[in-house]
N, C-alpha and C. Protein backbone atom coordinates (compact mmCIF):
# COMPACT_ATOMS: atom_id res chain seq x y z
N MET A 1 208.11 104.12 -43.22
CA MET A 1 207.02 103.27 -42.85
C MET A 1 207.58 101.97 -42.27
N THR A 2 207.10 101.58 -41.11
CA THR A 2 207.57 100.35 -40.49
C THR A 2 206.61 99.22 -40.76
N THR A 3 207.16 98.03 -40.80
CA THR A 3 206.32 96.85 -40.99
C THR A 3 206.00 96.26 -39.62
N PRO A 4 204.83 95.69 -39.46
CA PRO A 4 204.49 95.10 -38.17
C PRO A 4 205.36 93.90 -37.87
N ALA A 5 205.59 93.66 -36.58
CA ALA A 5 206.39 92.51 -36.16
C ALA A 5 205.64 91.23 -36.52
N PRO A 6 206.38 90.18 -36.92
CA PRO A 6 205.70 88.93 -37.24
C PRO A 6 205.06 88.32 -36.00
N GLU A 7 204.02 87.56 -36.21
CA GLU A 7 203.34 86.88 -35.10
C GLU A 7 204.28 85.84 -34.50
N PRO A 8 204.29 85.70 -33.18
CA PRO A 8 205.13 84.67 -32.57
C PRO A 8 204.70 83.28 -33.01
N ASN A 9 205.67 82.41 -33.11
CA ASN A 9 205.41 81.02 -33.48
C ASN A 9 204.76 80.32 -32.30
N PRO A 10 203.61 79.65 -32.48
CA PRO A 10 202.88 79.05 -31.36
C PRO A 10 203.38 77.67 -30.94
N ASP A 11 204.53 77.22 -31.44
CA ASP A 11 205.00 75.88 -31.09
C ASP A 11 205.16 75.73 -29.58
N ALA A 12 204.92 74.52 -29.09
CA ALA A 12 204.98 74.25 -27.66
C ALA A 12 206.41 74.27 -27.12
N VAL A 13 207.35 73.74 -27.88
CA VAL A 13 208.76 73.75 -27.50
C VAL A 13 209.59 74.08 -28.73
N LEU A 14 210.78 74.57 -28.50
CA LEU A 14 211.67 74.90 -29.60
C LEU A 14 212.52 73.68 -29.92
N SER A 15 212.74 73.42 -31.19
CA SER A 15 213.60 72.32 -31.58
C SER A 15 214.60 72.81 -32.61
N GLY A 16 215.60 72.03 -32.86
CA GLY A 16 216.60 72.38 -33.86
C GLY A 16 217.38 73.62 -33.47
N GLN A 17 217.65 74.46 -34.46
CA GLN A 17 218.46 75.66 -34.24
C GLN A 17 217.87 76.62 -33.21
N PRO A 18 216.56 76.91 -33.25
CA PRO A 18 216.01 77.81 -32.23
C PRO A 18 216.15 77.25 -30.81
N GLY A 19 215.97 75.95 -30.66
CA GLY A 19 216.10 75.34 -29.35
C GLY A 19 217.53 75.45 -28.83
N LEU A 20 218.48 75.16 -29.68
CA LEU A 20 219.88 75.27 -29.30
C LEU A 20 220.24 76.72 -28.99
N ALA A 21 219.76 77.64 -29.79
CA ALA A 21 220.02 79.07 -29.55
C ALA A 21 219.47 79.49 -28.19
N ALA A 22 218.27 79.04 -27.86
CA ALA A 22 217.67 79.39 -26.57
C ALA A 22 218.53 78.87 -25.42
N ILE A 23 219.01 77.65 -25.54
CA ILE A 23 219.83 77.05 -24.48
C ILE A 23 221.15 77.81 -24.33
N VAL A 24 221.78 78.13 -25.45
CA VAL A 24 223.05 78.86 -25.40
C VAL A 24 222.87 80.26 -24.81
N LEU A 25 221.82 80.96 -25.25
CA LEU A 25 221.58 82.30 -24.74
C LEU A 25 221.29 82.27 -23.24
N TRP A 26 220.48 81.32 -22.79
CA TRP A 26 220.14 81.22 -21.37
C TRP A 26 221.38 80.87 -20.56
N ALA A 27 222.18 79.92 -21.06
CA ALA A 27 223.38 79.49 -20.34
C ALA A 27 224.40 80.62 -20.20
N SER A 28 224.34 81.60 -21.08
CA SER A 28 225.28 82.73 -20.99
C SER A 28 225.00 83.59 -19.76
N GLY A 29 223.79 83.50 -19.24
CA GLY A 29 223.43 84.30 -18.07
C GLY A 29 223.14 85.76 -18.39
N GLN A 30 223.09 86.10 -19.65
CA GLN A 30 222.91 87.48 -20.08
C GLN A 30 221.47 87.84 -20.43
N PHE A 31 220.61 86.82 -20.62
CA PHE A 31 219.29 87.07 -21.14
C PHE A 31 218.20 86.39 -20.32
N SER A 32 217.05 87.02 -20.26
CA SER A 32 215.88 86.42 -19.60
C SER A 32 215.13 85.58 -20.63
N THR A 33 214.19 84.78 -20.15
CA THR A 33 213.39 83.99 -21.09
C THR A 33 212.57 84.89 -22.00
N LEU A 34 212.12 86.02 -21.48
CA LEU A 34 211.36 86.96 -22.32
C LEU A 34 212.22 87.53 -23.43
N GLU A 35 213.44 87.92 -23.11
CA GLU A 35 214.33 88.48 -24.12
C GLU A 35 214.68 87.43 -25.19
N ILE A 36 214.90 86.21 -24.75
CA ILE A 36 215.20 85.13 -25.70
C ILE A 36 214.01 84.90 -26.63
N ALA A 37 212.82 84.87 -26.05
CA ALA A 37 211.60 84.67 -26.85
C ALA A 37 211.44 85.78 -27.88
N GLN A 38 211.71 87.01 -27.48
CA GLN A 38 211.56 88.13 -28.41
C GLN A 38 212.57 88.04 -29.55
N VAL A 39 213.80 87.69 -29.24
CA VAL A 39 214.84 87.59 -30.26
C VAL A 39 214.54 86.46 -31.25
N LEU A 40 214.08 85.34 -30.72
CA LEU A 40 213.83 84.17 -31.58
C LEU A 40 212.44 84.15 -32.19
N ASN A 41 211.59 85.08 -31.77
CA ASN A 41 210.22 85.18 -32.26
C ASN A 41 209.39 83.94 -31.92
N PHE A 42 209.53 83.51 -30.67
CA PHE A 42 208.73 82.42 -30.12
C PHE A 42 208.08 82.93 -28.85
N ARG A 43 207.10 82.21 -28.36
CA ARG A 43 206.45 82.58 -27.12
C ARG A 43 207.37 82.26 -25.94
N GLU A 44 207.28 83.07 -24.89
CA GLU A 44 208.13 82.86 -23.73
C GLU A 44 207.87 81.50 -23.07
N ASP A 45 206.63 81.04 -23.06
CA ASP A 45 206.36 79.75 -22.43
C ASP A 45 207.03 78.61 -23.20
N ALA A 46 207.18 78.74 -24.50
CA ALA A 46 207.88 77.72 -25.29
C ALA A 46 209.36 77.71 -24.95
N VAL A 47 209.94 78.89 -24.75
CA VAL A 47 211.35 78.99 -24.35
C VAL A 47 211.52 78.34 -22.98
N SER A 48 210.65 78.66 -22.05
CA SER A 48 210.74 78.10 -20.69
C SER A 48 210.62 76.58 -20.71
N ARG A 49 209.67 76.06 -21.48
CA ARG A 49 209.51 74.60 -21.57
C ARG A 49 210.74 73.95 -22.19
N THR A 50 211.33 74.60 -23.17
CA THR A 50 212.53 74.07 -23.81
C THR A 50 213.68 73.99 -22.82
N LEU A 51 213.86 75.05 -22.03
CA LEU A 51 214.93 75.06 -21.04
C LEU A 51 214.68 74.02 -19.95
N HIS A 52 213.43 73.88 -19.53
CA HIS A 52 213.09 72.89 -18.52
C HIS A 52 213.36 71.48 -19.05
N MET A 53 212.98 71.23 -20.30
CA MET A 53 213.21 69.92 -20.90
C MET A 53 214.70 69.62 -20.98
N SER A 54 215.47 70.63 -21.34
CA SER A 54 216.92 70.45 -21.44
C SER A 54 217.50 70.09 -20.08
N ARG A 55 217.06 70.77 -19.03
CA ARG A 55 217.54 70.47 -17.69
C ARG A 55 217.16 69.05 -17.29
N SER A 56 215.95 68.65 -17.60
CA SER A 56 215.46 67.31 -17.25
C SER A 56 216.30 66.24 -17.94
N LEU A 57 216.64 66.48 -19.18
CA LEU A 57 217.42 65.50 -19.94
C LEU A 57 218.87 65.44 -19.50
N ASN A 58 219.35 66.48 -18.85
CA ASN A 58 220.75 66.57 -18.44
C ASN A 58 220.91 66.56 -16.93
N GLU A 59 220.03 65.86 -16.24
CA GLU A 59 220.12 65.69 -14.79
C GLU A 59 220.23 67.01 -14.05
N GLY A 60 219.42 67.97 -14.44
CA GLY A 60 219.40 69.25 -13.74
C GLY A 60 220.37 70.29 -14.27
N ARG A 61 221.30 69.88 -15.13
CA ARG A 61 222.24 70.83 -15.71
C ARG A 61 221.71 71.33 -17.03
N LEU A 62 221.96 72.58 -17.34
CA LEU A 62 221.45 73.14 -18.58
C LEU A 62 222.29 72.72 -19.77
N THR A 63 223.58 72.51 -19.55
CA THR A 63 224.46 72.14 -20.64
C THR A 63 224.71 70.64 -20.61
N PRO A 64 225.15 70.04 -21.71
CA PRO A 64 225.42 68.60 -21.71
C PRO A 64 226.42 68.22 -20.63
N ALA A 65 226.29 67.02 -20.12
CA ALA A 65 227.18 66.54 -19.05
C ALA A 65 228.62 66.53 -19.52
N ARG A 66 229.49 67.00 -18.65
CA ARG A 66 230.94 67.00 -18.93
C ARG A 66 231.64 66.35 -17.75
N LYS A 67 232.76 65.70 -18.03
CA LYS A 67 233.54 65.13 -16.94
C LYS A 67 234.21 66.25 -16.18
N ARG A 68 234.14 66.18 -14.86
CA ARG A 68 234.80 67.19 -14.03
C ARG A 68 236.20 66.73 -13.71
N SER A 69 237.13 67.66 -13.75
CA SER A 69 238.53 67.33 -13.45
C SER A 69 238.78 67.33 -11.97
């Protein structure tokens, strides 16, 4: 007997560990926003908003600013 999947969390953006996980998974280039949402049990629009916010805070880059050599 299988148990039903939990309801997705309706939060508008991801924060803390889920937010960081979404950014890391997206930056890997291996996962879509839908796949990330399914793994983290959040809505896809929340994942998208989180990634957009991260880019906005980092001048268009998804990862924190680093000095280029």
